[in-house]
C-alpha atoms as a PDB file:
ATOM      1  CA  MET A   1     -20.403 -20.786   1.273  1.00  0.00           C
ATOM      2  CA  ARG A   2     -20.907 -19.258   4.724  1.00  0.00           C
ATOM      3  CA  GLU A   3     -19.279 -21.280   7.513  1.00  0.00           C
ATOM      4  CA  ILE A   4     -21.117 -21.273  10.845  1.00  0.00           C
ATOM      5  CA  THR A   5     -20.295 -22.995  14.114  1.00  0.00           C
ATOM      6  CA  VAL A   6     -23.155 -24.603  16.006  1.00  0.00           C
ATOM      7  CA  GLY A   7     -22.665 -25.370  19.689  1.00  0.00           C
ATOM      8  CA  VAL A   8     -24.272 -28.593  20.968  1.00  0.00           C
ATOM      9  CA  VAL A   9     -24.080 -30.499  24.236  1.00  0.00           C
ATOM     10  CA  ALA A  10     -23.357 -33.892  22.684  1.00  0.00           C
ATOM     11  CA  PRO A  11     -24.205 -35.996  19.613  1.00  0.00           C
ATOM     12  CA  ALA A  12     -27.779 -36.258  20.918  1.00  0.00           C
ATOM     13  CA  TYR A  13     -30.803 -37.416  18.945  1.00  0.00           C
ATOM     14  CA  VAL A  14     -32.609 -34.128  19.588  1.00  0.00           C
ATOM     15  CA  ASN A  15     -30.144 -32.766  17.013  1.00  0.00           C
ATOM     16  CA  VAL A  16     -31.322 -35.099  14.232  1.00  0.00           C
ATOM     17  CA  PRO A  17     -32.850 -32.153  12.271  1.00  0.00           C
ATOM     18  CA  LEU A  18     -29.408 -30.522  12.149  1.00  0.00           C
ATOM     19  CA  TRP A  19     -27.780 -33.751  10.922  1.00  0.00           C
ATOM     20  CA  VAL A  20     -30.468 -34.148   8.257  1.00  0.00           C
ATOM     21  CA  ALA A  21     -29.999 -30.512   7.199  1.00  0.00           C
ATOM     22  CA  GLN A  22     -26.276 -31.159   6.796  1.00  0.00           C
ATOM     23  CA  GLU A  23     -26.513 -34.534   5.062  1.00  0.00           C
ATOM     24  CA  ARG A  24     -29.475 -33.846   2.766  1.00  0.00           C
ATOM     25  CA  GLY A  25     -28.223 -30.482   1.561  1.00  0.00           C
ATOM     26  CA  PHE A  26     -30.859 -28.232   3.122  1.00  0.00           C
ATOM     27  CA  LEU A  27     -28.086 -26.023   4.478  1.00  0.00           C
ATOM     28  CA  GLY A  28     -25.872 -26.226   1.418  1.00  0.00           C
ATOM     29  CA  ARG A  29     -28.651 -25.108  -0.912  1.00  0.00           C
ATOM     30  CA  ARG A  30     -28.872 -21.937   1.184  1.00  0.00           C
ATOM     31  CA  GLY A  31     -25.158 -21.315   0.987  1.00  0.00           C
ATOM     32  CA  LEU A  32     -24.410 -22.500   4.524  1.00  0.00           C
ATOM     33  CA  ALA A  33     -22.022 -25.055   5.975  1.00  0.00           C
ATOM     34  CA  ALA A  34     -22.441 -25.877   9.671  1.00  0.00           C
ATOM     35  CA  THR A  35     -19.756 -27.349  11.895  1.00  0.00           C
ATOM     36  CA  GLU A  36     -20.753 -28.692  15.285  1.00  0.00           C
ATOM     37  CA  ARG A  37     -18.803 -27.903  18.422  1.00  0.00           C
ATOM     38  CA  ILE A  38     -19.506 -30.357  21.233  1.00  0.00           C
ATOM     39  CA  CYS A  39     -19.373 -28.535  24.581  1.00  0.00           C
ATOM     40  CA  GLY A  40     -20.320 -31.399  26.928  1.00  0.00           C
ATOM     41  CA  THR A  41     -22.871 -29.584  29.101  1.00  0.00           C
ATOM     42  CA  THR A  42     -25.827 -27.272  28.571  1.00  0.00           C
ATOM     43  CA  HIS A  43     -24.228 -24.414  30.495  1.00  0.00           C
ATOM     44  CA  GLY A  44     -21.045 -25.033  28.518  1.00  0.00           C
ATOM     45  CA  VAL A  45     -22.945 -24.372  25.290  1.00  0.00           C
ATOM     46  CA  THR A  46     -24.543 -21.251  26.766  1.00  0.00           C
ATOM     47  CA  ASN A  47     -21.139 -19.948  27.849  1.00  0.00           C
ATOM     48  CA  ALA A  48     -19.661 -20.646  24.407  1.00  0.00           C
ATOM     49  CA  LEU A  49     -22.490 -18.652  22.834  1.00  0.00           C
ATOM     50  CA  ARG A  50     -22.088 -15.783  25.289  1.00  0.00           C
ATOM     51  CA  ASN A  51     -18.329 -15.678  24.651  1.00  0.00           C
ATOM     52  CA  GLY A  52     -18.699 -15.708  20.876  1.00  0.00           C
ATOM     53  CA  GLU A  53     -17.084 -19.127  20.488  1.00  0.00           C
ATOM     54  CA  VAL A  54     -20.107 -20.446  18.541  1.00  0.00           C
ATOM     55  CA  ASP A  55     -22.467 -18.629  16.186  1.00  0.00           C
ATOM     56  CA  ILE A  56     -25.614 -20.571  17.083  1.00  0.00           C
ATOM     57  CA  ALA A  57     -26.425 -22.843  20.015  1.00  0.00           C
ATOM     58  CA  LEU A  58     -28.752 -25.847  20.119  1.00  0.00           C
ATOM     59  CA  THR A  59     -29.199 -26.221  23.839  1.00  0.00           C
ATOM     60  CA  ALA A  60     -31.501 -25.812  26.814  1.00  0.00           C
ATOM     61  CA  PRO A  61     -33.110 -22.350  26.703  1.00  0.00           C
ATOM     62  CA  GLU A  62     -32.860 -21.557  30.428  1.00  0.00           C
ATOM     63  CA  GLY A  63     -29.459 -19.899  30.188  1.00  0.00           C
ATOM     64  CA  SER A  64     -30.568 -17.602  27.391  1.00  0.00           C
ATOM     65  CA  ILE A  65     -33.843 -16.741  29.123  1.00  0.00           C
ATOM     66  CA  ALA A  66     -32.065 -15.897  32.378  1.00  0.00           C
ATOM     67  CA  ASP A  67     -29.470 -13.864  30.462  1.00  0.00           C
ATOM     68  CA  ALA A  68     -32.121 -11.864  28.599  1.00  0.00           C
ATOM     69  CA  GLU A  69     -34.097 -11.293  31.798  1.00  0.00           C
ATOM     70  CA  ALA A  70     -30.956  -9.771  33.315  1.00  0.00           C
ATOM     71  CA  GLY A  71     -30.481  -7.486  30.301  1.00  0.00           C
ATOM     72  CA  GLY A  72     -27.968  -9.678  28.465  1.00  0.00           C
ATOM     73  CA  PRO A  73     -27.647 -10.341  24.702  1.00  0.00           C
ATOM     74  CA  LEU A  74     -28.757 -13.991  24.483  1.00  0.00           C
ATOM     75  CA  ARG A  75     -32.052 -14.851  22.817  1.00  0.00           C
ATOM     76  CA  VAL A  76     -34.165 -17.896  21.934  1.00  0.00           C
ATOM     77  CA  VAL A  77     -35.130 -17.770  18.241  1.00  0.00           C
ATOM     78  CA  ALA A  78     -36.717 -21.208  17.711  1.00  0.00           C
ATOM     79  CA  GLY A  79     -37.532 -24.448  19.486  1.00  0.00           C
ATOM     80  CA  LEU A  80     -36.520 -28.034  18.760  1.00  0.00           C
ATOM     81  CA  THR A  81     -37.986 -30.090  21.607  1.00  0.00           C
ATOM     82  CA  ASP A  82     -41.303 -29.468  23.350  1.00  0.00           C
ATOM     83  CA  ARG A  83     -41.616 -32.869  25.024  1.00  0.00           C
ATOM     84  CA  PRO A  84     -38.268 -34.251  26.206  1.00  0.00           C
ATOM     85  CA  PRO A  85     -37.552 -37.751  24.838  1.00  0.00           C
ATOM     86  CA  LEU A  86     -36.081 -38.783  28.198  1.00  0.00           C
ATOM     87  CA  SER A  87     -36.715 -41.524  30.747  1.00  0.00           C
ATOM     88  CA  MET A  88     -35.584 -41.796  34.347  1.00  0.00           C
ATOM     89  CA  ILE A  89     -33.142 -44.697  34.389  1.00  0.00           C
ATOM     90  CA  ALA A  90     -32.038 -46.098  37.751  1.00  0.00           C
ATOM     91  CA  LEU A  91     -29.684 -48.754  39.043  1.00  0.00           C
ATOM     92  CA  SER A  92     -31.230 -52.212  38.985  1.00  0.00           C
ATOM     93  CA  ARG A  93     -31.700 -52.262  42.772  1.00  0.00           C
ATOM     94  CA  HIS A  94     -34.086 -49.314  42.547  1.00  0.00           C
ATOM     95  CA  HIS A  95     -37.636 -50.193  41.570  1.00  0.00           C
ATOM     96  CA  THR A  96     -39.618 -47.065  42.455  1.00  0.00           C
ATOM     97  CA  PHE A  97     -39.011 -43.330  42.736  1.00  0.00           C
ATOM     98  CA  GLU A  98     -39.164 -43.707  46.504  1.00  0.00           C
ATOM     99  CA  ASP A  99     -36.030 -45.851  46.268  1.00  0.00           C
ATOM    100  CA  LEU A 100     -34.161 -42.748  45.060  1.00  0.00           C
ATOM    101  CA  ARG A 101     -34.622 -40.995  48.400  1.00  0.00           C
ATOM    102  CA  GLY A 102     -31.158 -40.141  49.693  1.00  0.00           C
ATOM    103  CA  GLY A 103     -29.631 -40.903  46.293  1.00  0.00           C
ATOM    104  CA  ARG A 104     -27.559 -39.054  43.708  1.00  0.00           C
ATOM    105  CA  ILE A 105     -29.232 -37.974  40.469  1.00  0.00           C
ATOM    106  CA  GLY A 106     -26.981 -37.323  37.490  1.00  0.00           C
ATOM    107  CA  THR A 107     -27.506 -34.150  35.467  1.00  0.00           C
ATOM    108  CA  SER A 108     -25.754 -32.139  32.767  1.00  0.00           C
ATOM    109  CA  SER A 109     -26.049 -28.825  34.587  1.00  0.00           C
ATOM    110  CA  LEU A 110     -27.186 -27.376  37.896  1.00  0.00           C
ATOM    111  CA  THR A 111     -28.890 -24.439  36.182  1.00  0.00           C
ATOM    112  CA  GLU A 112     -30.300 -25.743  32.893  1.00  0.00           C
ATOM    113  CA  GLY A 113     -31.853 -28.661  31.067  1.00  0.00           C
ATOM    114  CA  THR A 114     -32.094 -32.060  32.724  1.00  0.00           C
ATOM    115  CA  ARG A 115     -31.701 -30.611  36.229  1.00  0.00           C
ATOM    116  CA  HIS A 116     -35.064 -28.865  35.951  1.00  0.00           C
ATOM    117  CA  VAL A 117     -36.816 -31.715  34.139  1.00  0.00           C
ATOM    118  CA  ALA A 118     -35.573 -34.221  36.728  1.00  0.00           C
ATOM    119  CA  GLU A 119     -36.494 -31.956  39.629  1.00  0.00           C
ATOM    120  CA  ARG A 120     -40.058 -31.569  38.357  1.00  0.00           C
ATOM    121  CA  MET A 121     -40.369 -35.292  37.701  1.00  0.00           C
ATOM    122  CA  LEU A 122     -39.092 -36.238  41.152  1.00  0.00           C
ATOM    123  CA  ALA A 123     -41.346 -33.656  42.803  1.00  0.00           C
ATOM    124  CA  ALA A 124     -44.343 -35.288  41.138  1.00  0.00           C
ATOM    125  CA  HIS A 125     -43.369 -38.459  43.008  1.00  0.00           C
ATOM    126  CA  GLY A 126     -42.958 -36.783  46.387  1.00  0.00           C
ATOM    127  CA  LEU A 127     -39.195 -36.114  46.375  1.00  0.00           C
ATOM    128  CA  SER A 128     -37.886 -32.579  46.817  1.00  0.00           C
ATOM    129  CA  TYR A 129     -34.433 -31.116  46.255  1.00  0.00           C
ATOM    130  CA  PRO A 130     -32.207 -30.815  48.251  1.00  0.00           C
ATOM    131  CA  ALA A 131     -33.981 -32.477  51.178  1.00  0.00           C
ATOM    132  CA  ASP A 132     -34.464 -35.878  49.562  1.00  0.00           C
ATOM    133  CA  TYR A 133     -31.624 -36.282  47.049  1.00  0.00           C
ATOM    134  CA  ASP A 134     -28.498 -34.661  45.627  1.00  0.00           C
ATOM    135  CA  PHE A 135     -27.640 -33.730  42.058  1.00  0.00           C
ATOM    136  CA  ALA A 136     -24.367 -34.993  40.621  1.00  0.00           C
ATOM    137  CA  LEU A 137     -22.919 -32.927  37.783  1.00  0.00           C
ATOM    138  CA  GLU A 138     -21.989 -35.622  35.274  1.00  0.00           C
ATOM    139  CA  GLY A 139     -22.368 -34.011  31.843  1.00  0.00           C
ATOM    140  CA  SER A 140     -24.345 -35.142  28.815  1.00  0.00           C
ATOM    141  CA  HIS A 141     -26.474 -38.278  28.587  1.00  0.00           C
ATOM    142  CA  VAL A 142     -23.393 -40.126  27.273  1.00  0.00           C
ATOM    143  CA  GLU A 143     -21.458 -39.276  30.438  1.00  0.00           C
ATOM    144  CA  ARG A 144     -24.487 -40.034  32.617  1.00  0.00           C
ATOM    145  CA  TRP A 145     -24.673 -43.467  31.018  1.00  0.00           C
ATOM    146  CA  LYS A 146     -21.039 -44.064  31.970  1.00  0.00           C
ATOM    147  CA  ALA A 147     -21.790 -42.946  35.546  1.00  0.00           C
ATOM    148  CA  LEU A 148     -24.770 -45.310  35.769  1.00  0.00           C
ATOM    149  CA  GLN A 149     -22.644 -48.183  34.525  1.00  0.00           C
ATOM    150  CA  ALA A 150     -19.978 -47.320  37.100  1.00  0.00           C
ATOM    151  CA  GLY A 151     -22.632 -47.139  39.841  1.00  0.00           C
ATOM    152  CA  THR A 152     -21.545 -43.660  40.967  1.00  0.00           C
ATOM    153  CA  ILE A 153     -25.067 -42.259  40.635  1.00  0.00           C
ATOM    154  CA  ASP A 154     -28.413 -43.796  41.505  1.00  0.00           C
ATOM    155  CA  ALA A 155     -30.396 -42.523  38.539  1.00  0.00           C
ATOM    156  CA  ALA A 156     -30.423 -40.036  35.671  1.00  0.00           C
ATOM    157  CA  LEU A 157     -32.649 -38.891  32.865  1.00  0.00           C
ATOM    158  CA  GLN A 158     -31.452 -40.663  29.741  1.00  0.00           C
ATOM    159  CA  MET A 159     -31.964 -39.557  26.163  1.00  0.00           C
ATOM    160  CA  ILE A 160     -33.239 -41.847  23.449  1.00  0.00           C
ATOM    161  CA  PRO A 161     -31.870 -44.417  22.571  1.00  0.00           C
ATOM    162  CA  TYR A 162     -29.772 -44.710  25.734  1.00  0.00           C
ATOM    163  CA  ASP A 163     -32.913 -45.388  27.756  1.00  0.00           C
ATOM    164  CA  ALA A 164     -33.634 -48.534  25.730  1.00  0.00           C
ATOM    165  CA  MET A 165     -29.973 -49.538  25.803  1.00  0.00           C
ATOM    166  CA  ALA A 166     -30.000 -49.222  29.600  1.00  0.00           C
ATOM    167  CA  VAL A 167     -33.068 -51.423  29.974  1.00  0.00           C
ATOM    168  CA  GLU A 168     -31.424 -54.094  27.831  1.00  0.00           C
ATOM    169  CA  ALA A 169     -28.400 -53.892  30.133  1.00  0.00           C
ATOM    170  CA  GLY A 170     -30.559 -54.559  33.209  1.00  0.00           C
ATOM    171  CA  PHE A 171     -31.165 -51.050  34.529  1.00  0.00           C
ATOM    172  CA  THR A 172     -34.598 -49.935  35.751  1.00  0.00           C
ATOM    173  CA  ASP A 173     -36.770 -47.641  33.664  1.00  0.00           C
ATOM    174  CA  LEU A 174     -38.883 -45.654  36.141  1.00  0.00           C
ATOM    175  CA  GLY A 175     -40.801 -44.019  33.307  1.00  0.00           C
ATOM    176  CA  PRO A 176     -40.629 -41.359  30.604  1.00  0.00           C
ATOM    177  CA  VAL A 177     -40.989 -37.620  30.980  1.00  0.00           C
ATOM    178  CA  ALA A 178     -44.669 -36.997  30.345  1.00  0.00           C
ATOM    179  CA  GLU A 179     -44.984 -33.214  30.554  1.00  0.00           C
ATOM    180  CA  GLU A 180     -44.132 -30.460  28.130  1.00  0.00           C
ATOM    181  CA  PHE A 181     -40.805 -28.740  28.730  1.00  0.00           C
ATOM    182  CA  ALA A 182     -38.734 -26.833  26.175  1.00  0.00           C
ATOM    183  CA  LEU A 183     -35.609 -28.991  26.447  1.00  0.00           C
ATOM    184  CA  ASN A 184     -33.762 -27.963  23.293  1.00  0.00           C
ATOM    185  CA  ALA A 185     -33.915 -24.613  21.514  1.00  0.00           C
ATOM    186  CA  VAL A 186     -32.037 -22.515  18.967  1.00  0.00           C
ATOM    187  CA  CYS A 187     -30.275 -19.688  20.790  1.00  0.00           C
ATOM    188  CA  VAL A 188     -28.155 -16.794  19.522  1.00  0.00           C
ATOM    189  CA  ARG A 189     -26.220 -13.815  20.784  1.00  0.00           C
ATOM    190  CA  LEU A 190     -27.336 -10.366  19.640  1.00  0.00           C
ATOM    191  CA  PRO A 191     -26.662  -8.752  17.300  1.00  0.00           C
ATOM    192  CA  ALA A 192     -27.454 -11.777  15.110  1.00  0.00           C
ATOM    193  CA  GLU A 193     -26.888 -11.640  11.361  1.00  0.00           C
ATOM    194  CA  ARG A 194     -30.337 -12.114   9.827  1.00  0.00           C
ATOM    195  CA  ALA A 195     -28.950 -13.044   6.397  1.00  0.00           C
ATOM    196  CA  GLU A 196     -27.263 -16.037   8.049  1.00  0.00           C
ATOM    197  CA  LEU A 197     -29.694 -16.962  10.826  1.00  0.00           C
ATOM    198  CA  THR A 198     -32.946 -16.959   8.837  1.00  0.00           C
ATOM    199  CA  PRO A 199     -31.650 -19.360   6.136  1.00  0.00           C
ATOM    200  CA  PHE A 200     -30.271 -21.592   8.883  1.00  0.00           C
ATOM    201  CA  LEU A 201     -33.673 -21.754  10.580  1.00  0.00           C
ATOM    202  CA  GLN A 202     -35.401 -22.368   7.238  1.00  0.00           C
ATOM    203  CA  ALA A 203     -33.044 -25.269   6.557  1.00  0.00           C
ATOM    204  CA  LEU A 204     -33.651 -26.667  10.032  1.00  0.00           C
ATOM    205  CA  ALA A 205     -37.432 -26.454   9.598  1.00  0.00           C
ATOM    206  CA  GLU A 206     -37.263 -28.109   6.184  1.00  0.00           C
ATOM    207  CA  ALA A 207     -35.051 -30.854   7.594  1.00  0.00           C
ATOM    208  CA  ALA A 208     -37.449 -31.475  10.490  1.00  0.00           C
ATOM    209  CA  GLU A 209     -40.332 -31.868   8.046  1.00  0.00           C
ATOM    210  CA  TRP A 210     -38.303 -34.202   5.808  1.00  0.00           C
ATOM    211  CA  PHE A 211     -37.325 -36.235   8.872  1.00  0.00           C
ATOM    212  CA  ARG A 212     -40.949 -36.950   9.742  1.00  0.00           C
ATOM    213  CA  GLY A 213     -41.538 -38.484   6.318  1.00  0.00           C
ATOM    214  CA  HIS A 214     -38.217 -40.319   6.093  1.00  0.00           C
ATOM    215  CA  ILE A 215     -37.630 -41.870   9.494  1.00  0.00           C
ATOM    216  CA  GLU A 216     -35.610 -44.864   8.272  1.00  0.00           C
ATOM    217  CA  GLU A 217     -33.293 -42.693   6.177  1.00  0.00           C
ATOM    218  CA  SER A 218     -32.912 -40.277   9.090  1.00  0.00           C
ATOM    219  CA  ALA A 219     -32.130 -43.172  11.436  1.00  0.00           C
ATOM    220  CA  ALA A 220     -29.323 -44.267   9.107  1.00  0.00           C
ATOM    221  CA  ILE A 221     -27.849 -40.742   9.255  1.00  0.00           C
ATOM    222  CA  ALA A 222     -28.180 -40.700  13.059  1.00  0.00           C
ATOM    223  CA  ALA A 223     -26.636 -44.156  13.475  1.00  0.00           C
ATOM    224  CA  GLN A 224     -23.599 -43.049  11.480  1.00  0.00           C
ATOM    225  CA  ARG A 225     -23.246 -39.862  13.535  1.00  0.00           C
ATOM    226  CA  THR A 226     -23.486 -41.632  16.895  1.00  0.00           C
ATOM    227  CA  SER A 227     -22.076 -45.140  16.242  1.00  0.00           C
ATOM    228  CA  ILE A 228     -25.297 -46.534  17.716  1.00  0.00           C
ATOM    229  CA  GLU A 229     -26.762 -49.835  16.506  1.00  0.00           C
ATOM    230  CA  PRO A 230     -29.206 -49.209  13.632  1.00  0.00           C
ATOM    231  CA  ARG A 231     -32.096 -50.823  15.527  1.00  0.00           C
ATOM    232  CA  HIS A 232     -31.614 -48.427  18.430  1.00  0.00           C
ATOM    233  CA  ALA A 233     -31.229 -45.469  16.073  1.00  0.00           C
ATOM    234  CA  LEU A 234     -34.500 -46.377  14.336  1.00  0.00           C
ATOM    235  CA  ARG A 235     -36.355 -46.706  17.623  1.00  0.00           C
ATOM    236  CA  ALA A 236     -35.008 -43.338  18.754  1.00  0.00           C
ATOM    237  CA  CYS A 237     -36.043 -41.595  15.531  1.00  0.00           C
ATOM    238  CA  GLN A 238     -39.511 -43.109  15.767  1.00  0.00           C
ATOM    239  CA  ALA A 239     -39.840 -41.656  19.271  1.00  0.00           C
ATOM    240  CA  LEU A 240     -38.512 -38.287  18.124  1.00  0.00           C
ATOM    241  CA  ALA A 241     -41.056 -38.173  15.290  1.00  0.00           C
ATOM    242  CA  ALA A 242     -44.015 -38.643  17.662  1.00  0.00           C
ATOM    243  CA  ASP A 243     -46.542 -35.829  17.854  1.00  0.00           C
ATOM    244  CA  GLY A 244     -45.632 -33.060  20.255  1.00  0.00           C
ATOM    245  CA  VAL A 245     -41.886 -33.729  20.486  1.00  0.00           C
ATOM    246  CA  ILE A 246     -40.534 -31.390  17.766  1.00  0.00           C
ATOM    247  CA  PRO A 247     -42.699 -28.276  17.245  1.00  0.00           C
ATOM    248  CA  ARG A 248     -43.781 -28.289  13.597  1.00  0.00           C
ATOM    249  CA  ASP A 249     -43.092 -24.614  13.001  1.00  0.00           C
ATOM    250  CA  LEU A 250     -40.047 -24.557  15.306  1.00  0.00           C
ATOM    251  CA  ARG A 251     -42.027 -22.392  17.732  1.00  0.00           C
ATOM    252  CA  PRO A 252     -42.110 -23.886  21.233  1.00  0.00           C
ATOM    253  CA  SER A 253     -45.588 -24.328  22.641  1.00  0.00           C
ATOM    254  CA  PRO A 254     -46.638 -21.826  25.325  1.00  0.00           C
ATOM    255  CA  GLY A 255     -46.884 -24.670  27.822  1.00  0.00           C
ATOM    256  CA  ALA A 256     -43.342 -25.885  27.119  1.00  0.00           C
ATOM    257  CA  LEU A 257     -41.917 -22.392  27.648  1.00  0.00           C
ATOM    258  CA  ALA A 258     -44.092 -21.773  30.697  1.00  0.00           C
ATOM    259  CA  ALA A 259     -42.652 -24.904  32.300  1.00  0.00           C
ATOM    260  CA  VAL A 260     -39.141 -23.540  31.733  1.00  0.00           C
ATOM    261  CA  THR A 261     -39.883 -20.152  33.298  1.00  0.00           C
ATOM    262  CA  ALA A 262     -41.620 -21.821  36.244  1.00  0.00           C
ATOM    263  CA  ALA A 263     -38.522 -23.954  36.815  1.00  0.00           C
ATOM    264  CA  LEU A 264     -36.244 -20.904  36.588  1.00  0.00           C
ATOM    265  CA  ARG A 265     -38.356 -19.073  39.158  1.00  0.00           C
ATOM    266  CA  SER A 266     -38.573 -22.014  41.541  1.00  0.00           C
ATOM    267  CA  SER A 267     -34.797 -22.459  41.483  1.00  0.00           C
ATOM    268  CA  GLY A 268     -34.172 -18.728  41.988  1.00  0.00           C
ATOM    269  CA  LEU A 269     -32.449 -18.222  38.629  1.00  0.00           C
ATOM    270  CA  ILE A 270     -34.895 -15.485  37.682  1.00  0.00           C
ATOM    271  CA  PRO A 271     -36.881 -13.351  40.132  1.00  0.00           C
ATOM    272  CA  PRO A 272     -40.280 -14.542  41.330  1.00  0.00           C
ATOM    273  CA  GLU A 273     -43.344 -12.892  39.868  1.00  0.00           C
ATOM    274  CA  ALA A 274     -44.006  -9.376  41.174  1.00  0.00           C
ATOM    275  CA  PRO A 275     -47.356  -7.538  41.255  1.00  0.00           C
ATOM    276  CA  GLU A 276     -46.452  -6.242  37.772  1.00  0.00           C
ATOM    277  CA  PRO A 277     -44.263  -9.097  36.571  1.00  0.00           C
ATOM    278  CA  PHE A 278     -41.570  -8.684  33.975  1.00  0.00           C
ATOM    279  CA  ASP A 279     -42.301 -11.272  31.264  1.00  0.00           C
ATOM    280  CA  PRO A 280     -39.077 -13.235  30.678  1.00  0.00           C
ATOM    281  CA  ILE A 281     -40.507 -14.877  27.546  1.00  0.00           C
ATOM    282  CA  ALA A 282     -41.248 -11.511  25.941  1.00  0.00           C
ATOM    283  CA  ALA A 283     -37.690 -10.446  26.744  1.00  0.00           C
ATOM    284  CA  ALA A 284     -35.939 -13.629  25.656  1.00  0.00           C
ATOM    285  CA  VAL A 285     -37.867 -15.075  22.695  1.00  0.00           C
ATOM    286  CA  ASP A 286     -37.650 -13.547  19.220  1.00  0.00           C
ATOM    287  CA  TYR A 287     -39.365 -15.397  16.386  1.00  0.00           C
ATOM    288  CA  SER A 288     -38.727 -12.679  13.811  1.00  0.00           C
ATOM    289  CA  TYR A 289     -35.821 -14.658  12.361  1.00  0.00           C
ATOM    290  CA  LEU A 290     -38.019 -17.622  11.420  1.00  0.00           C
END
């Protein structure tokens, strides 16, 4: 049995296919055993991958794309989330996006993941960073939930099922993320061992397909992994199974990846397009392991 370490931000519901692959034997039948390492932030997972502390990372792809664009060894080999299952949750005194002007928005990273999704969402409602609000580096959605409860931030994007839990607790749901954005991807550090990576991706794809046909059973697995009430776990898995959230072939849609590269360019993390632009997707994405 090959032992592999998979870096993740937190016990987040976007990782349900991994949990299903572990619990239902899709990994074991391919001679693999996966242990999760929780790193707390998206950039923390990227750093762990770069430093060789994890074999595979399930995290935001921005760090790997920026690394590859700069000539580094990180690559995106599959996608797990094309439409982020997130909602902007605010303190109860805030009723509109305009109320967030001058506020603090919680995020897991200043260079990856929810920072870019939140920035794009706020821009669509007339708020620009840094003129109209500040980002507060709080960590994963679990830590952002704690910060919302403590009142130290004004709003944050919250993962399923924490969005529903927040509404029940009296917080304001300003709305879900509606656009495509590759929030969660499978990333590796080259040279990657094909005999290990390809079976892992096959198991993940099989688990994602099984999940879609067994939502209640998957919710039971997720509830056990996260100590979340079964009703919330079921609602979260139903949302995750919706069309367009998990790419069926584990290949992110062109639009979801284009949104990521646009965000990287707008934040200065990769160079702006030149007359003969270097294609960061061509440099960073390698589907040959699927």
